[in-house]
Protein backbone atom coordinates (compact mmCIF):
# COMPACT_ATOMS: atom_id res chain seq x y z
CA MET A 1 75.96 110.06 137.67
CA LYS A 2 78.00 107.31 139.31
CA LEU A 3 77.67 103.73 138.08
CA LEU A 4 79.28 100.56 139.41
CA ILE A 5 79.59 97.42 137.32
CA LYS A 6 80.72 94.57 139.55
CA ASN A 7 81.74 90.93 139.19
CA ALA A 8 82.65 91.23 135.51
CA LYS A 9 85.07 89.51 133.19
CA VAL A 10 86.59 92.63 131.64
CA ILE A 11 87.72 92.27 128.04
CA THR A 12 90.76 94.41 127.27
CA PRO A 13 92.45 94.46 123.85
CA TYR A 14 95.07 91.96 124.96
CA GLU A 15 93.58 89.86 127.78
CA ILE A 16 90.47 89.10 129.82
CA LEU A 17 90.52 90.18 133.47
CA ASN A 18 88.36 88.09 135.81
CA ASN A 19 86.42 89.37 138.83
CA ARG A 20 86.77 93.06 138.08
CA ASN A 21 84.73 96.07 139.16
CA VAL A 22 84.42 99.09 136.88
CA ILE A 23 83.52 102.54 138.17
CA VAL A 24 81.91 105.14 135.90
CA GLU A 25 81.41 108.80 136.71
CA ASP A 26 80.06 111.57 134.48
CA GLY A 27 80.14 109.32 131.44
CA LYS A 28 83.78 108.32 131.83
CA ILE A 29 85.55 105.21 133.10
CA VAL A 30 87.36 106.25 136.28
CA ASP A 31 88.57 102.91 137.66
CA VAL A 32 88.97 99.23 136.83
CA THR A 33 89.83 97.28 139.96
CA SER A 34 89.88 93.85 141.55
CA ASP A 35 89.41 95.46 144.97
CA GLU A 36 86.11 95.15 146.81
CA VAL A 37 83.95 98.22 146.15
CA SER A 38 81.03 99.27 148.34
CA SER A 39 77.79 99.85 146.41
CA GLU A 40 76.49 102.52 148.80
CA SER A 41 77.79 105.62 147.04
CA PHE A 42 76.54 104.66 143.58
CA LEU A 43 73.30 105.78 141.98
CA GLU A 44 73.17 102.60 139.88
CA VAL A 45 74.81 99.20 140.28
CA ILE A 46 74.97 96.37 137.74
CA ASP A 47 75.99 92.91 138.90
CA ALA A 48 77.52 91.32 135.81
CA LYS A 49 77.42 87.90 137.52
CA SER A 50 80.69 86.84 135.86
CA ASN A 51 79.46 87.67 132.36
CA TYR A 52 81.75 89.55 129.98
CA LEU A 53 82.14 93.33 130.10
CA SER A 54 83.39 94.56 126.75
CA PRO A 55 83.93 97.88 125.04
CA GLY A 56 80.89 98.72 122.96
CA PHE A 57 81.13 97.67 119.35
CA ILE A 58 81.69 100.37 116.73
CA ASP A 59 80.11 99.74 113.32
CA ILE A 60 81.74 102.12 110.87
CA HIS A 61 79.92 100.70 107.82
CA ASN A 62 76.20 99.93 107.95
CA HIS A 63 73.24 101.04 105.85
CA GLY A 64 70.28 100.31 108.11
CA ASN A 65 68.25 97.63 109.86
CA SER A 66 64.76 96.96 111.27
CA GLY A 67 63.12 97.86 107.95
CA TYR A 68 64.78 101.29 107.82
CA ASP A 69 67.55 102.69 105.62
CA PHE A 70 69.75 105.69 106.40
CA MET A 71 68.79 107.08 102.99
CA ASP A 72 65.27 107.52 104.42
CA ALA A 73 66.90 110.62 105.92
CA ASN A 74 64.61 111.22 108.88
CA PHE A 75 64.96 111.06 112.66
CA GLU A 76 62.40 108.27 113.05
CA ALA A 77 64.49 105.98 110.85
CA PHE A 78 67.68 106.98 112.65
CA ASP A 79 66.10 106.30 116.05
CA GLU A 80 64.88 102.84 115.04
CA ILE A 81 68.24 101.93 113.53
CA SER A 82 69.97 103.15 116.69
CA LYS A 83 67.66 101.13 118.97
CA PHE A 84 68.50 97.98 117.04
CA HIS A 85 72.21 98.74 117.37
CA LEU A 86 71.81 98.97 121.16
CA LYS A 87 70.27 95.50 121.32
CA ASN A 88 73.21 94.08 119.39
CA GLY A 89 76.01 95.76 121.30
CA VAL A 90 76.83 98.68 119.00
CA THR A 91 77.38 101.87 120.99
CA SER A 92 78.77 104.01 118.14
CA TYR A 93 78.34 103.89 114.39
CA LEU A 94 78.71 105.83 111.18
CA LEU A 95 75.67 106.59 109.03
CA THR A 96 76.58 104.98 105.70
CA THR A 97 75.15 106.18 102.40
CA ILE A 98 74.80 104.44 99.05
CA THR A 99 75.34 105.84 95.56
CA SER A 100 72.37 108.13 94.87
CA LYS A 101 71.52 111.32 93.07
CA HIS A 102 73.27 114.44 94.33
CA GLU A 103 70.19 115.97 95.96
CA ASP A 104 69.47 112.83 97.98
CA LEU A 105 73.03 112.68 99.27
CA ILE A 106 72.90 116.35 100.29
CA ASN A 107 69.62 115.66 102.10
CA VAL A 108 70.93 112.69 104.09
CA LEU A 109 74.14 114.57 104.95
CA ASN A 110 72.10 117.50 106.26
CA THR A 111 69.71 115.29 108.23
CA GLY A 112 72.45 113.03 109.56
CA SER A 113 74.46 116.00 110.77
CA ALA A 114 71.43 117.41 112.57
CA TYR A 115 70.91 114.02 114.23
CA ILE A 116 74.55 113.86 115.36
CA GLU A 117 74.12 117.31 116.93
CA SER A 118 70.87 116.31 118.68
CA SER A 119 70.40 114.63 122.07
CA MET A 120 70.68 111.03 120.91
CA ARG A 121 68.93 108.56 123.24
CA TYR A 122 70.16 105.27 121.86
CA SER A 123 73.38 104.23 120.13
CA ASN A 124 75.54 107.18 119.10
CA MET A 125 75.86 108.22 115.48
CA VAL A 126 79.40 109.62 115.52
CA GLY A 127 79.90 110.51 111.86
CA ILE A 128 79.03 109.82 108.24
CA TYR A 129 80.54 107.35 105.75
CA LEU A 130 79.99 108.35 102.12
CA GLU A 131 79.93 105.10 100.14
CA GLY A 132 79.57 106.29 96.57
CA PRO A 133 79.09 107.79 94.05
CA TYR A 134 82.78 107.69 93.02
CA PHE A 135 82.97 104.04 92.01
CA SER A 136 83.85 101.80 89.08
CA LYS A 137 81.04 100.40 86.94
CA GLU A 138 82.95 97.12 86.67
CA LYS A 139 82.91 96.60 90.43
CA LYS A 140 79.77 98.47 91.39
CA GLY A 141 78.20 95.54 93.25
CA ALA A 142 74.83 96.79 94.53
CA GLN A 143 75.68 100.47 93.92
CA PRO A 144 73.16 101.95 91.42
CA GLU A 145 75.10 102.39 88.17
CA LYS A 146 73.17 105.38 86.85
CA TYR A 147 74.50 107.63 89.62
CA LEU A 148 78.18 106.61 89.44
CA LYS A 149 80.55 109.43 88.51
CA ASN A 150 84.08 110.79 88.78
CA PRO A 151 84.87 112.85 91.88
CA THR A 152 85.26 116.62 91.73
CA ILE A 153 86.59 118.93 94.40
CA GLU A 154 83.53 121.14 93.92
CA GLU A 155 81.07 118.37 94.75
CA ILE A 156 83.19 117.10 97.62
CA ASP A 157 83.12 120.62 99.08
CA GLU A 158 79.32 120.59 98.83
CA PHE A 159 79.22 117.28 100.70
CA ILE A 160 81.57 118.57 103.41
CA LYS A 161 79.46 121.72 103.82
CA ALA A 162 76.21 119.74 104.03
CA SER A 163 77.74 117.43 106.63
CA ARG A 164 78.80 120.35 108.83
CA ASN A 165 82.19 118.65 109.23
CA HIS A 166 80.66 115.33 110.31
CA LEU A 167 81.81 113.61 107.12
CA THR A 168 84.22 111.00 108.50
CA VAL A 169 84.99 108.57 105.65
CA VAL A 170 84.67 108.82 101.87
CA SER A 171 85.07 105.67 99.79
CA ILE A 172 86.51 106.11 96.30
CA ALA A 173 87.68 103.86 93.45
CA PRO A 174 91.30 105.02 92.96
CA GLU A 175 91.30 104.45 89.19
CA MET A 176 88.51 106.96 88.54
CA GLU A 177 89.45 110.25 86.89
CA ASN A 178 90.48 112.90 89.48
CA SER A 179 90.48 110.31 92.30
CA LEU A 180 94.06 110.88 93.43
CA ASP A 181 93.49 114.64 93.66
CA ALA A 182 90.27 113.99 95.59
CA ILE A 183 92.05 111.64 97.99
CA ARG A 184 94.75 114.23 98.68
CA TYR A 185 92.13 116.93 99.21
CA LEU A 186 90.06 114.81 101.62
CA ASN A 187 93.21 113.85 103.49
CA GLU A 188 94.11 117.52 103.90
CA LYS A 189 90.61 118.12 105.30
CA GLY A 190 91.11 115.39 107.92
CA ILE A 191 88.58 113.04 106.31
CA LYS A 192 89.51 109.37 106.08
CA VAL A 193 89.58 107.88 102.60
CA ALA A 194 88.61 104.30 101.84
CA MET A 195 89.19 102.41 98.61
CA GLY A 196 86.10 100.57 97.43
CA HIS A 197 84.06 99.22 94.52
CA THR A 198 87.20 99.38 92.46
CA ASN A 199 88.96 97.64 89.59
CA SER A 200 92.21 99.24 90.66
CA THR A 201 95.55 97.65 89.84
CA TYR A 202 98.20 97.21 92.51
CA ASP A 203 100.18 100.22 91.27
CA ILE A 204 97.17 102.55 91.22
CA ALA A 205 96.11 101.38 94.68
CA LYS A 206 99.60 102.13 95.99
CA LYS A 207 99.38 105.64 94.53
CA ALA A 208 96.06 106.10 96.34
CA ILE A 209 97.63 104.95 99.60
CA ASP A 210 100.53 107.35 99.07
CA ALA A 211 97.93 110.10 98.53
CA GLY A 212 96.31 109.31 101.89
CA ALA A 213 93.86 106.40 101.51
CA SER A 214 93.89 104.34 104.71
CA ILE A 215 90.92 101.93 104.61
CA ALA A 216 89.91 99.10 102.27
CA THR A 217 86.11 99.03 101.94
CA HIS A 218 84.81 95.50 102.65
CA LEU A 219 88.02 93.74 101.62
CA TYR A 220 87.62 91.17 98.80
CA ASN A 221 84.08 92.34 97.95
CA GLY A 222 83.55 94.85 95.14
CA MET A 223 87.21 94.63 94.12
CA ARG A 224 89.47 93.37 91.35
CA THR A 225 90.33 89.79 92.19
CA PHE A 226 93.81 88.92 93.42
CA SER A 227 96.30 87.39 90.98
CA HIS A 228 99.89 86.39 91.59
CA ARG A 229 100.87 88.50 88.56
CA GLU A 230 98.53 91.43 89.30
CA PRO A 231 97.82 91.55 93.06
CA GLY A 232 95.48 94.50 92.55
CA ILE A 233 93.95 96.46 95.37
CA ILE A 234 93.64 93.34 97.53
CA GLY A 235 97.38 92.78 97.39
CA ALA A 236 98.11 96.45 98.03
CA SER A 237 95.71 96.61 100.98
CA LEU A 238 96.98 93.44 102.61
CA THR A 239 100.68 94.24 102.30
CA ASP A 240 100.71 97.96 103.09
CA GLU A 241 100.76 98.63 106.84
CA ARG A 242 99.13 102.03 106.31
CA VAL A 243 95.82 100.38 105.36
CA ARG A 244 93.16 98.95 107.65
CA CYS A 245 90.81 96.43 106.06
CA GLU A 246 87.07 96.11 106.62
CA ILE A 247 85.78 92.53 106.86
CA ILE A 248 82.16 91.30 106.66
CA ALA A 249 82.35 88.16 108.81
CA ASP A 250 78.92 86.72 108.04
CA MET A 251 80.39 83.57 106.43
CA ILE A 252 78.51 84.55 103.26
CA HIS A 253 80.56 87.40 101.78
CA ILE A 254 83.95 85.79 102.38
CA HIS A 255 85.24 82.24 102.82
CA LYS A 256 86.65 81.72 106.30
CA ALA A 257 90.09 80.94 104.86
CA ALA A 258 90.15 84.37 103.21
CA ILE A 259 89.30 85.95 106.57
CA GLU A 260 92.09 83.96 108.22
CA LEU A 261 94.51 85.10 105.52
CA ALA A 262 93.63 88.76 106.04
CA ILE A 263 93.99 88.48 109.82
CA ASP A 264 97.28 86.59 109.56
CA VAL A 265 98.74 89.19 107.19
CA LYS A 266 97.32 92.37 108.75
CA GLY A 267 97.06 91.50 112.43
CA PHE A 268 94.12 92.23 114.71
CA ASP A 269 94.83 95.97 114.93
CA SER A 270 94.37 96.46 111.19
CA ILE A 271 91.17 94.47 110.66
CA ILE A 272 87.83 96.26 111.15
CA LEU A 273 84.74 94.14 111.60
CA ILE A 274 81.76 95.76 109.88
CA SER A 275 78.20 94.63 109.34
CA ASP A 276 77.47 96.35 105.99
CA ALA A 277 73.90 95.64 107.11
CA MET A 278 70.91 96.80 105.09
CA MET A 279 67.30 97.33 106.15
CA ALA A 280 66.53 93.59 106.38
CA ALA A 281 68.83 93.11 109.38
CA GLY A 282 66.65 92.08 112.30
CA LYS A 283 63.73 91.25 110.01
CA LEU A 284 62.37 88.06 108.46
CA ASP A 285 63.36 86.82 105.02
CA GLY A 286 61.45 88.64 102.30
CA GLU A 287 61.54 91.52 99.83
CA TYR A 288 63.34 94.77 100.65
CA THR A 289 65.14 97.63 98.88
CA LEU A 290 68.64 99.09 98.81
CA GLY A 291 69.42 102.26 96.90
CA GLY A 292 66.05 102.05 95.18
CA GLN A 293 66.77 98.51 93.99
CA ASP A 294 64.72 95.42 94.83
CA VAL A 295 66.51 93.04 97.19
CA SER A 296 65.47 89.50 98.11
CA VAL A 297 66.56 88.05 101.44
CA LYS A 298 66.62 84.29 101.90
CA GLU A 299 68.27 82.54 104.85
CA GLY A 300 69.84 85.88 105.76
CA LYS A 301 71.51 86.41 102.37
CA ALA A 302 70.52 89.63 100.59
CA VAL A 303 70.76 89.71 96.77
CA LEU A 304 69.63 91.79 93.81
CA LYS A 305 67.54 90.19 91.06
CA ASP A 306 70.73 89.29 89.16
CA GLY A 307 72.16 87.49 92.20
CA THR A 308 74.60 90.25 93.23
CA ILE A 309 75.07 90.36 97.01
CA ALA A 310 73.40 93.52 98.34
CA GLY A 311 74.70 94.26 101.80
CA SER A 312 74.12 91.88 104.69
CA THR A 313 71.79 91.09 107.57
CA LEU A 314 74.74 90.71 109.93
CA THR A 315 75.10 92.19 113.42
CA LEU A 316 78.49 92.82 115.01
CA ASN A 317 77.87 90.55 117.99
CA LYS A 318 77.22 87.77 115.46
CA ALA A 319 80.40 88.71 113.57
CA VAL A 320 82.43 88.40 116.78
CA TYR A 321 80.68 85.10 117.54
CA ASN A 322 81.54 83.80 114.06
CA LEU A 323 85.23 84.59 114.42
CA VAL A 324 85.42 82.91 117.81
CA ASN A 325 83.38 79.84 116.89
CA HIS A 326 84.21 79.31 113.21
CA LEU A 327 87.82 80.50 113.09
CA GLY A 328 89.00 79.88 116.66
CA ILE A 329 89.96 83.52 117.25
CA LYS A 330 90.38 84.44 120.92
CA LEU A 331 87.44 86.44 122.24
CA ASN A 332 89.46 89.50 123.21
CA ASP A 333 91.06 89.61 119.74
CA ALA A 334 87.69 89.31 117.99
CA VAL A 335 86.28 92.07 120.21
CA ARG A 336 89.27 94.28 119.43
CA MET A 337 88.47 94.08 115.71
CA ALA A 338 84.92 95.27 116.44
CA SER A 339 85.90 98.08 118.80
CA LEU A 340 89.41 99.49 119.18
CA SER A 341 90.45 98.78 115.57
CA SER A 342 87.28 100.50 114.37
CA ALA A 343 87.78 103.47 116.67
CA ARG A 344 91.37 103.98 115.56
CA ALA A 345 90.41 103.71 111.89
CA ILE A 346 88.12 106.75 112.17
CA GLY A 347 90.30 108.73 114.57
CA ILE A 348 88.42 108.26 117.86
CA GLY A 349 90.65 105.64 119.48
CA ASP A 350 91.71 108.11 122.15
CA LYS A 351 88.09 108.29 123.42
CA LYS A 352 86.43 105.01 122.53
CA GLY A 353 87.09 101.38 121.72
CA SER A 354 88.54 99.98 124.95
CA ILE A 355 87.85 99.82 128.67
CA GLU A 356 90.48 102.20 129.99
CA ILE A 357 90.51 104.91 132.62
CA GLY A 358 89.55 108.26 131.08
CA LYS A 359 87.74 106.84 128.07
CA ASP A 360 84.04 107.20 127.31
CA ALA A 361 81.94 104.70 129.25
CA ASP A 362 80.57 102.91 126.19
CA MET A 363 80.38 99.28 127.29
CA ILE A 364 78.34 96.12 126.85
CA ILE A 365 77.73 93.03 128.94
CA PHE A 366 77.23 89.73 127.13
CA ASP A 367 77.18 86.01 127.88
CA GLU A 368 79.18 83.11 126.45
CA LYS A 369 77.00 83.07 123.33
CA LEU A 370 77.42 86.81 122.68
CA ASN A 371 73.84 87.57 123.70
CA ILE A 372 73.78 91.24 124.70
CA LEU A 373 72.54 91.72 128.28
CA ASN A 374 73.33 95.40 128.89
CA THR A 375 74.40 98.30 126.72
CA ILE A 376 75.88 101.38 128.36
CA VAL A 377 76.42 104.57 126.35
CA ASN A 378 78.11 107.62 127.86
CA GLY A 379 77.75 105.97 131.27
CA GLU A 380 73.97 105.56 130.87
CA ILE A 381 72.25 102.17 130.83
CA ARG A 382 70.36 102.32 127.53
CA TYR A 383 69.55 98.64 127.05
CA TYR A 384 68.90 96.09 129.78
CA LYS A 385 67.93 92.43 130.05
CA ASP A 386 67.62 90.55 133.31
CA ILE A 387 70.87 88.74 134.05
């Protein structure tokens, strides 16, 4: 199928190109041009009417939305979550788990892998992010404590087998017994390792990075606090160029000055915008669950009964909007942190994350307020609002 998107402001990682036409064929971007292009030979034509054309957002860390949780482990839930992603500009995402009993994790890995291998009609699930159960009790956050444990190679092998090699990221607290061996093993298997829900010291975090850890799970949250005498995992993650840092930019999880600090130290290419959204995203305030725990949502803030923050109700278009409007980040830089940085972090930057010739035609059109007008996945228009 041939698709023409005309009269667009094309957002690249480093600049915005006005009055551009983008040609898509067989699911790939084949040209980005300022030349006049005749519409006659195209099956479908979108007039962007000078709105922004951006790479689709990639949410590598999200637990659900629309009243559904990935731990529901069924195609209906996955479809509804994927539909919501389309409406909010996410063209690719990782199914993210929460600490649970072994059998439930095996079940969601099996079901998620089958979904990845199916003919997905909405946003694309491109892998699985195992968040838990290898976490510290001291920094568990909303992770159910009764299922926390030390990693073993035997269990990791079971998870890899159940995922049919779709396991993309595993988050681990580096100070847990056997963690460094597990990190090395996962790295050898080509699986990205994140450091999360951890009370790790600076020195232990550096050992984890040396072993192959490359992502900091929701930086600042679920971590030992930074001290000038013991910088901890935050200090190690910020100062080591081998680490990319996830940020939840909902203006609830992190003070804007802490976001600015992370961006100033790491640079746009090493910050990954994530939603960490739970099932209440897209729903009204009320009572929900996360990992079998009761969660109350009020004014968009999700908390357990003890007041612990329990995921978010954030969407990535809102995260980009927040960085632009609350921190003064340039639009193309904010978009990069929600697309190309994310793609590179999980090893798909050669195919996704930017509008370049030869890459997958995963793109979105949005207006000045980051309202999503069109979502295109694999060159197909999968979400459309009148422009």
